């Protein structure tokens, strides 16, 4: 009886953890306009916007914190420096 209770409890905990992780909201989409093609990928609180396969913008908590010119850099260039992130 106790083993069944522990098993059910573990299943409930795992299910709650799964749904909590899933609720953070994956973002994956594209938008085309006269200004170019924009692709968005990441999670609700941290995602990357890519413009025309040349620029990437890192968005954290609704604020653009860094950008990257893909023709020049491999790493993001942070607007206030890495120490603020």
N, C-alpha and C. Protein backbone atom coordinates (compact mmCIF):
# COMPACT_ATOMS: atom_id res chain seq x y z
N UNK A 1 0.81 -1.20 0.00
CA UNK A 1 0.00 0.00 0.00
C UNK A 1 0.86 1.26 0.00
N UNK A 2 1.88 1.27 0.83
CA UNK A 2 2.75 2.45 0.92
C UNK A 2 3.53 2.65 -0.37
N UNK A 3 3.91 1.56 -1.00
CA UNK A 3 4.66 1.66 -2.26
C UNK A 3 3.78 2.26 -3.35
N UNK A 4 2.52 1.89 -3.39
CA UNK A 4 1.59 2.45 -4.37
C UNK A 4 1.39 3.94 -4.14
N UNK A 5 1.28 4.33 -2.87
CA UNK A 5 1.12 5.75 -2.54
C UNK A 5 2.34 6.55 -2.98
N UNK A 6 3.53 6.03 -2.71
CA UNK A 6 4.77 6.71 -3.12
C UNK A 6 4.84 6.79 -4.64
N UNK A 7 4.45 5.73 -5.33
CA UNK A 7 4.48 5.74 -6.79
C UNK A 7 3.53 6.77 -7.38
N UNK A 8 2.32 6.85 -6.83
CA UNK A 8 1.35 7.84 -7.31
C UNK A 8 1.84 9.25 -7.01
N UNK A 9 2.41 9.44 -5.82
CA UNK A 9 2.95 10.75 -5.45
C UNK A 9 4.06 11.18 -6.41
N UNK A 10 4.96 10.26 -6.74
CA UNK A 10 6.04 10.56 -7.69
C UNK A 10 5.50 10.90 -9.07
N UNK A 11 4.48 10.18 -9.53
CA UNK A 11 3.88 10.48 -10.82
C UNK A 11 3.27 11.89 -10.83
N UNK A 12 2.62 12.27 -9.76
CA UNK A 12 2.02 13.61 -9.67
C UNK A 12 3.12 14.67 -9.69
N UNK A 13 4.20 14.46 -8.94
CA UNK A 13 5.30 15.42 -8.92
C UNK A 13 5.93 15.56 -10.29
N UNK A 14 6.18 14.46 -10.97
CA UNK A 14 6.77 14.50 -12.31
C UNK A 14 5.83 15.21 -13.28
N UNK A 15 4.54 14.95 -13.19
CA UNK A 15 3.57 15.61 -14.07
C UNK A 15 3.55 17.11 -13.83
N UNK A 16 3.58 17.52 -12.57
CA UNK A 16 3.60 18.96 -12.26
C UNK A 16 4.86 19.63 -12.79
N UNK A 17 6.01 18.97 -12.65
CA UNK A 17 7.26 19.53 -13.16
C UNK A 17 7.22 19.64 -14.68
N UNK A 18 6.65 18.64 -15.34
CA UNK A 18 6.56 18.66 -16.80
C UNK A 18 5.69 19.82 -17.27
N UNK A 19 4.52 19.99 -16.68
CA UNK A 19 3.62 21.06 -17.11
C UNK A 19 4.16 22.43 -16.74
N UNK A 20 4.88 22.53 -15.64
CA UNK A 20 5.48 23.81 -15.27
C UNK A 20 6.54 24.21 -16.29
N UNK A 21 7.37 23.26 -16.68
CA UNK A 21 8.41 23.54 -17.67
C UNK A 21 7.79 23.89 -19.02
N UNK A 22 6.75 23.17 -19.38
CA UNK A 22 6.08 23.41 -20.66
C UNK A 22 5.38 24.76 -20.68
N UNK A 23 4.93 25.24 -19.53
CA UNK A 23 4.19 26.50 -19.49
C UNK A 23 5.08 27.73 -19.65
N UNK A 24 6.41 27.57 -19.62
CA UNK A 24 7.28 28.72 -19.82
C UNK A 24 7.16 29.25 -21.23
N UNK A 25 6.60 28.49 -22.12
CA UNK A 25 6.25 28.96 -23.45
C UNK A 25 7.39 29.02 -24.44
N UNK A 26 7.46 28.01 -25.26
CA UNK A 26 8.43 28.05 -26.35
C UNK A 26 7.94 29.03 -27.41
N UNK A 27 8.88 29.75 -27.97
CA UNK A 27 8.56 30.70 -29.03
C UNK A 27 9.32 30.26 -30.27
N UNK A 28 8.62 30.10 -31.36
CA UNK A 28 9.25 29.73 -32.63
C UNK A 28 8.33 30.23 -33.74
N UNK A 29 8.75 31.28 -34.41
CA UNK A 29 7.90 31.82 -35.46
C UNK A 29 8.68 32.71 -36.42
N UNK A 30 8.01 33.13 -37.47
CA UNK A 30 8.64 33.98 -38.48
C UNK A 30 7.65 35.05 -38.92
N UNK A 31 8.21 36.18 -39.36
CA UNK A 31 7.40 37.29 -39.82
C UNK A 31 8.11 37.95 -40.99
N UNK A 32 7.41 38.14 -42.09
CA UNK A 32 7.99 38.80 -43.26
C UNK A 32 7.32 40.14 -43.46
N UNK A 33 8.14 41.17 -43.71
CA UNK A 33 7.62 42.51 -43.95
C UNK A 33 8.51 43.20 -44.97
N UNK A 34 8.20 44.45 -45.27
CA UNK A 34 9.02 45.21 -46.21
C UNK A 34 10.43 45.43 -45.68
N UNK A 35 10.58 45.46 -44.34
CA UNK A 35 11.88 45.68 -43.73
C UNK A 35 12.76 44.44 -43.73
N UNK A 36 12.18 43.28 -43.97
CA UNK A 36 12.95 42.05 -44.02
C UNK A 36 12.20 40.88 -43.40
N UNK A 37 12.92 39.78 -43.24
CA UNK A 37 12.36 38.58 -42.64
C UNK A 37 12.88 38.46 -41.21
N UNK A 38 11.97 38.26 -40.28
CA UNK A 38 12.32 38.15 -38.88
C UNK A 38 11.95 36.75 -38.39
N UNK A 39 12.87 36.13 -37.68
CA UNK A 39 12.62 34.80 -37.11
C UNK A 39 12.85 34.89 -35.61
N UNK A 40 11.92 34.36 -34.83
CA UNK A 40 11.99 34.42 -33.37
C UNK A 40 12.06 33.00 -32.84
N UNK A 41 13.03 32.76 -31.93
CA UNK A 41 13.18 31.42 -31.36
C UNK A 41 13.69 31.52 -29.93
N UNK A 42 13.10 30.75 -29.04
CA UNK A 42 13.54 30.72 -27.65
C UNK A 42 12.39 30.41 -26.72
N UNK A 43 12.45 30.96 -25.53
CA UNK A 43 11.40 30.79 -24.52
C UNK A 43 10.82 32.15 -24.19
N UNK A 44 9.74 32.15 -23.42
CA UNK A 44 9.00 33.37 -23.13
C UNK A 44 9.81 34.48 -22.50
N UNK A 45 10.77 34.15 -21.64
CA UNK A 45 11.52 35.19 -20.98
C UNK A 45 12.89 35.44 -21.60
N UNK A 46 13.33 34.59 -22.52
CA UNK A 46 14.64 34.76 -23.17
C UNK A 46 14.55 34.17 -24.57
N UNK A 47 14.68 35.03 -25.58
CA UNK A 47 14.60 34.54 -26.95
C UNK A 47 15.48 35.40 -27.86
N UNK A 48 15.68 34.92 -29.07
CA UNK A 48 16.53 35.60 -30.06
C UNK A 48 15.68 35.94 -31.27
N UNK A 49 15.84 37.17 -31.74
CA UNK A 49 15.20 37.62 -32.97
C UNK A 49 16.28 37.71 -34.03
N UNK A 50 16.10 37.00 -35.13
CA UNK A 50 17.08 37.04 -36.23
C UNK A 50 16.47 37.80 -37.39
N UNK A 51 17.22 38.76 -37.94
CA UNK A 51 16.75 39.57 -39.06
C UNK A 51 17.58 39.26 -40.29
N UNK A 52 16.93 38.78 -41.32
CA UNK A 52 17.55 38.52 -42.63
C UNK A 52 18.83 37.69 -42.56
N UNK A 53 18.93 36.77 -41.63
CA UNK A 53 20.11 35.92 -41.47
C UNK A 53 21.40 36.72 -41.37
N UNK A 54 21.31 37.97 -40.87
CA UNK A 54 22.49 38.79 -40.68
C UNK A 54 22.62 39.31 -39.26
N UNK A 55 21.54 39.75 -38.67
CA UNK A 55 21.58 40.29 -37.31
C UNK A 55 20.77 39.42 -36.37
N UNK A 56 21.25 39.31 -35.13
CA UNK A 56 20.50 38.64 -34.08
C UNK A 56 20.41 39.57 -32.89
N UNK A 57 19.24 39.60 -32.26
CA UNK A 57 19.01 40.42 -31.09
C UNK A 57 18.57 39.50 -29.96
N UNK A 58 19.24 39.60 -28.82
CA UNK A 58 18.91 38.81 -27.65
C UNK A 58 17.95 39.60 -26.78
N UNK A 59 16.78 39.01 -26.50
CA UNK A 59 15.76 39.66 -25.68
C UNK A 59 15.63 38.87 -24.38
N UNK A 60 15.82 39.57 -23.25
CA UNK A 60 15.70 38.96 -21.93
C UNK A 60 14.71 39.76 -21.11
N UNK A 61 13.69 39.10 -20.64
CA UNK A 61 12.64 39.74 -19.84
C UNK A 61 12.05 40.96 -20.53
N UNK A 62 11.85 40.88 -21.83
CA UNK A 62 11.20 41.95 -22.59
C UNK A 62 12.10 43.09 -23.00
N UNK A 63 13.41 42.99 -22.77
CA UNK A 63 14.35 44.07 -23.10
C UNK A 63 15.43 43.52 -24.01
N UNK A 64 15.73 44.23 -25.10
CA UNK A 64 16.84 43.82 -25.98
C UNK A 64 18.13 44.13 -25.24
N UNK A 65 18.89 43.08 -24.90
CA UNK A 65 20.10 43.26 -24.11
C UNK A 65 21.38 43.16 -24.92
N UNK A 66 21.31 42.55 -26.10
CA UNK A 66 22.53 42.36 -26.89
C UNK A 66 22.18 42.18 -28.35
N UNK A 67 23.18 42.40 -29.20
CA UNK A 67 22.99 42.13 -30.62
C UNK A 67 24.25 41.49 -31.17
N UNK A 68 24.10 40.89 -32.35
CA UNK A 68 25.23 40.23 -33.01
C UNK A 68 25.09 40.42 -34.50
N UNK A 69 26.15 40.92 -35.14
CA UNK A 69 26.22 40.98 -36.59
C UNK A 69 26.89 39.68 -37.02
N UNK A 70 26.13 38.79 -37.64
CA UNK A 70 26.63 37.46 -37.95
C UNK A 70 27.78 37.46 -38.95
N UNK A 71 27.97 38.56 -39.69
CA UNK A 71 29.09 38.62 -40.62
C UNK A 71 30.39 39.01 -39.92
N UNK A 72 30.31 39.48 -38.66
CA UNK A 72 31.50 39.96 -37.96
C UNK A 72 31.78 39.23 -36.66
N UNK A 73 30.75 38.84 -35.92
CA UNK A 73 30.95 38.32 -34.57
C UNK A 73 30.36 36.94 -34.40
N UNK A 74 30.98 36.17 -33.49
CA UNK A 74 30.41 34.89 -33.10
C UNK A 74 29.61 35.03 -31.81
N UNK A 75 29.96 36.02 -31.01
CA UNK A 75 29.31 36.22 -29.71
C UNK A 75 28.47 37.49 -29.74
N UNK A 76 27.50 37.54 -28.83
CA UNK A 76 26.68 38.73 -28.70
C UNK A 76 27.50 39.87 -28.13
N UNK A 77 27.19 41.07 -28.54
CA UNK A 77 27.78 42.28 -27.97
C UNK A 77 26.68 42.88 -27.09
N UNK A 78 26.94 42.88 -25.78
CA UNK A 78 25.95 43.36 -24.82
C UNK A 78 26.00 44.88 -24.75
N UNK A 79 24.83 45.48 -24.62
CA UNK A 79 24.73 46.94 -24.62
C UNK A 79 25.38 47.57 -23.39
N UNK A 80 25.28 46.91 -22.24
CA UNK A 80 25.86 47.48 -21.02
C UNK A 80 27.05 46.68 -20.54
N UNK A 81 27.50 45.74 -21.28
CA UNK A 81 28.59 44.86 -20.85
C UNK A 81 28.02 43.60 -20.26
N UNK A 82 28.82 42.54 -20.27
CA UNK A 82 28.36 41.24 -19.78
C UNK A 82 28.12 41.23 -18.29
N UNK A 83 28.78 42.09 -17.54
CA UNK A 83 28.64 42.06 -16.09
C UNK A 83 27.24 42.45 -15.62
N UNK A 84 26.46 43.16 -16.44
CA UNK A 84 25.12 43.57 -16.05
C UNK A 84 24.08 42.48 -16.31
N UNK A 85 24.44 41.47 -17.06
CA UNK A 85 23.48 40.44 -17.44
C UNK A 85 23.39 39.38 -16.40
